[in-house]
N, C-alpha and C. Protein backbone atom coordinates (compact mmCIF):
# COMPACT_ATOMS: atom_id res chain seq x y z
N UNK A 1 0.90 -1.23 0.00
CA UNK A 1 0.02 -0.04 -0.01
C UNK A 1 0.87 1.24 0.00
N UNK A 2 1.85 1.31 0.96
CA UNK A 2 2.71 2.45 1.04
C UNK A 2 3.45 2.73 -0.28
N UNK A 3 4.01 1.55 -0.74
CA UNK A 3 4.81 1.62 -1.96
C UNK A 3 3.92 2.17 -3.16
N UNK A 4 2.68 1.65 -3.26
CA UNK A 4 1.79 2.06 -4.24
C UNK A 4 1.47 3.57 -4.12
N UNK A 5 1.17 4.02 -2.96
CA UNK A 5 0.87 5.45 -2.77
C UNK A 5 2.04 6.33 -3.17
N UNK A 6 3.25 5.77 -2.85
CA UNK A 6 4.46 6.49 -3.23
C UNK A 6 4.60 6.68 -4.76
N UNK A 7 4.37 5.60 -5.46
CA UNK A 7 4.50 5.67 -6.95
C UNK A 7 3.46 6.65 -7.48
N UNK A 8 2.26 6.59 -6.93
CA UNK A 8 1.18 7.49 -7.40
C UNK A 8 1.64 8.91 -7.10
N UNK A 9 2.22 9.11 -5.97
CA UNK A 9 2.62 10.44 -5.50
C UNK A 9 3.70 11.00 -6.44
N UNK A 10 4.65 10.02 -6.88
CA UNK A 10 5.67 10.37 -7.71
C UNK A 10 5.09 10.80 -9.15
N UNK A 11 4.03 10.01 -9.54
CA UNK A 11 3.43 10.32 -10.86
C UNK A 11 2.80 11.72 -10.77
N UNK A 12 2.08 11.97 -9.58
CA UNK A 12 1.50 13.27 -9.34
C UNK A 12 2.47 14.39 -9.50
N UNK A 13 3.67 14.10 -8.89
CA UNK A 13 4.74 15.13 -8.81
C UNK A 13 5.22 15.47 -10.27
N UNK A 14 5.45 14.40 -11.01
CA UNK A 14 5.95 14.65 -12.37
C UNK A 14 4.92 15.37 -13.17
N UNK A 15 3.62 14.93 -13.08
CA UNK A 15 2.60 15.62 -13.83
C UNK A 15 2.56 17.10 -13.48
N UNK A 16 2.55 17.35 -12.11
CA UNK A 16 2.44 18.76 -11.68
C UNK A 16 3.65 19.54 -12.14
N UNK A 17 4.78 18.87 -12.19
CA UNK A 17 6.10 19.56 -12.69
C UNK A 17 5.84 19.88 -14.06
N UNK A 18 5.38 18.96 -14.85
CA UNK A 18 5.12 19.17 -16.31
C UNK A 18 4.15 20.40 -16.43
N UNK A 19 3.12 20.42 -15.63
CA UNK A 19 2.08 21.47 -15.73
C UNK A 19 2.88 22.81 -15.45
N UNK A 20 3.66 22.73 -14.39
CA UNK A 20 4.37 23.95 -13.94
C UNK A 20 5.26 24.42 -15.06
N UNK A 21 5.95 23.41 -15.72
CA UNK A 21 6.92 23.76 -16.74
C UNK A 21 6.17 24.41 -17.89
N UNK A 22 5.08 23.81 -18.28
CA UNK A 22 4.34 24.35 -19.44
C UNK A 22 3.84 25.74 -19.08
N UNK A 23 3.35 25.89 -17.81
CA UNK A 23 2.83 27.19 -17.33
C UNK A 23 3.96 28.26 -17.40
N UNK A 24 5.15 27.86 -16.96
CA UNK A 24 6.30 28.77 -16.94
C UNK A 24 6.71 29.14 -18.36
N UNK A 25 6.60 28.12 -19.26
CA UNK A 25 6.97 28.34 -20.66
C UNK A 25 5.93 29.39 -21.20
N UNK A 26 4.68 29.12 -20.98
CA UNK A 26 3.68 30.08 -21.47
C UNK A 26 3.90 31.47 -20.84
N UNK A 27 4.19 31.49 -19.54
CA UNK A 27 4.45 32.81 -18.88
C UNK A 27 5.62 33.48 -19.57
N UNK A 28 6.63 32.72 -19.84
CA UNK A 28 7.86 33.38 -20.45
C UNK A 28 7.52 33.98 -21.76
N UNK A 29 6.83 33.11 -22.64
CA UNK A 29 6.49 33.67 -23.93
C UNK A 29 5.59 34.92 -23.84
N UNK A 30 4.72 34.87 -22.90
CA UNK A 30 3.80 36.04 -22.59
C UNK A 30 4.63 37.20 -22.26
N UNK A 31 5.59 37.04 -21.28
CA UNK A 31 6.46 38.13 -20.79
C UNK A 31 7.20 38.69 -21.97
N UNK A 32 7.77 37.74 -22.78
CA UNK A 32 8.55 38.21 -23.96
C UNK A 32 7.65 39.08 -24.81
N UNK A 33 6.50 38.61 -25.11
CA UNK A 33 5.55 39.43 -26.01
C UNK A 33 5.29 40.76 -25.32
N UNK A 34 4.98 40.70 -24.01
CA UNK A 34 4.70 42.06 -23.30
C UNK A 34 5.92 42.92 -23.32
N UNK A 35 7.16 42.35 -23.18
CA UNK A 35 8.35 43.15 -23.18
C UNK A 35 8.43 43.82 -24.58
N UNK A 36 8.20 43.09 -25.65
CA UNK A 36 8.31 43.61 -26.97
C UNK A 36 7.29 44.77 -27.16
N UNK A 37 6.09 44.46 -26.64
CA UNK A 37 4.98 45.44 -26.67
C UNK A 37 5.31 46.69 -25.93
N UNK A 38 5.82 46.48 -24.69
CA UNK A 38 6.12 47.64 -23.90
C UNK A 38 7.34 48.44 -24.51
N UNK A 39 8.26 47.77 -25.16
CA UNK A 39 9.38 48.43 -25.82
C UNK A 39 8.81 49.32 -26.93
N UNK A 40 7.89 48.74 -27.70
CA UNK A 40 7.31 49.47 -28.77
C UNK A 40 6.54 50.66 -28.15
N UNK A 41 5.84 50.35 -27.10
CA UNK A 41 4.96 51.36 -26.41
C UNK A 41 5.88 52.52 -25.93
N UNK A 42 6.96 52.13 -25.28
CA UNK A 42 7.88 53.22 -24.67
C UNK A 42 8.47 54.01 -25.78
N UNK A 43 8.84 53.39 -26.94
CA UNK A 43 9.31 54.07 -28.07
C UNK A 43 8.33 55.09 -28.59
N UNK A 44 7.11 54.62 -28.62
CA UNK A 44 5.96 55.44 -29.08
C UNK A 44 5.59 56.54 -28.05
N UNK A 45 5.66 56.13 -26.78
CA UNK A 45 5.12 57.04 -25.72
C UNK A 45 6.22 58.02 -25.30
N UNK A 46 7.43 57.63 -25.20
CA UNK A 46 8.45 58.51 -24.58
C UNK A 46 9.05 59.46 -25.59
N UNK A 47 9.04 59.03 -26.86
CA UNK A 47 9.70 60.01 -27.79
C UNK A 47 8.84 61.33 -27.95
N UNK A 48 7.55 61.21 -28.00
CA UNK A 48 6.78 62.50 -28.01
C UNK A 48 7.02 63.27 -26.73
N UNK A 49 7.14 62.51 -25.59
CA UNK A 49 7.39 63.23 -24.31
C UNK A 49 8.69 63.93 -24.42
N UNK A 50 9.70 63.36 -24.90
CA UNK A 50 10.96 64.00 -24.98
C UNK A 50 10.94 65.23 -25.82
N UNK A 51 10.15 65.09 -26.96
CA UNK A 51 10.07 66.28 -27.82
C UNK A 51 9.36 67.38 -27.10
N UNK A 52 8.32 66.97 -26.27
CA UNK A 52 7.56 67.95 -25.53
C UNK A 52 8.47 68.64 -24.51
N UNK A 53 9.40 67.85 -23.93
CA UNK A 53 10.24 68.38 -22.95
C UNK A 53 11.37 69.31 -23.61
N UNK A 54 11.82 68.84 -24.89
CA UNK A 54 12.84 69.61 -25.57
C UNK A 54 12.28 70.96 -26.05
N UNK A 55 11.06 71.07 -26.41
CA UNK A 55 10.55 72.22 -27.04
C UNK A 55 10.56 73.43 -26.11
N UNK A 56 10.13 73.27 -24.81
CA UNK A 56 10.18 74.41 -23.91
C UNK A 56 11.65 74.83 -23.68
N UNK A 57 12.54 73.84 -23.59
CA UNK A 57 14.03 74.21 -23.44
C UNK A 57 14.42 75.10 -24.61
N UNK A 58 14.17 74.62 -25.71
CA UNK A 58 14.58 75.44 -26.93
C UNK A 58 13.99 76.75 -26.94
N UNK A 59 12.71 76.86 -26.52
CA UNK A 59 12.01 78.12 -26.45
C UNK A 59 12.69 79.03 -25.43
N UNK A 60 12.96 78.46 -24.29
CA UNK A 60 13.66 79.30 -23.21
C UNK A 60 14.97 79.73 -23.68
N UNK A 61 15.72 78.84 -24.36
CA UNK A 61 17.02 79.28 -24.84
C UNK A 61 16.97 80.47 -25.82
N UNK A 62 15.86 80.54 -26.66
CA UNK A 62 15.86 81.63 -27.65
C UNK A 62 15.65 83.00 -27.03
């Protein structure tokens, strides 16, 4: 009985590990996609901001 429960437990562990691994893989790909998106977003979002900040400086310099 004990041996049997141990083997089933081991099977459980491996299956849960596989699930965790697949979840982690999905998470990683999601994070990678998010990172790429956020990089594009920051390029889109911050460059106008910089221009906005540069314009008053240029005006004040004149």
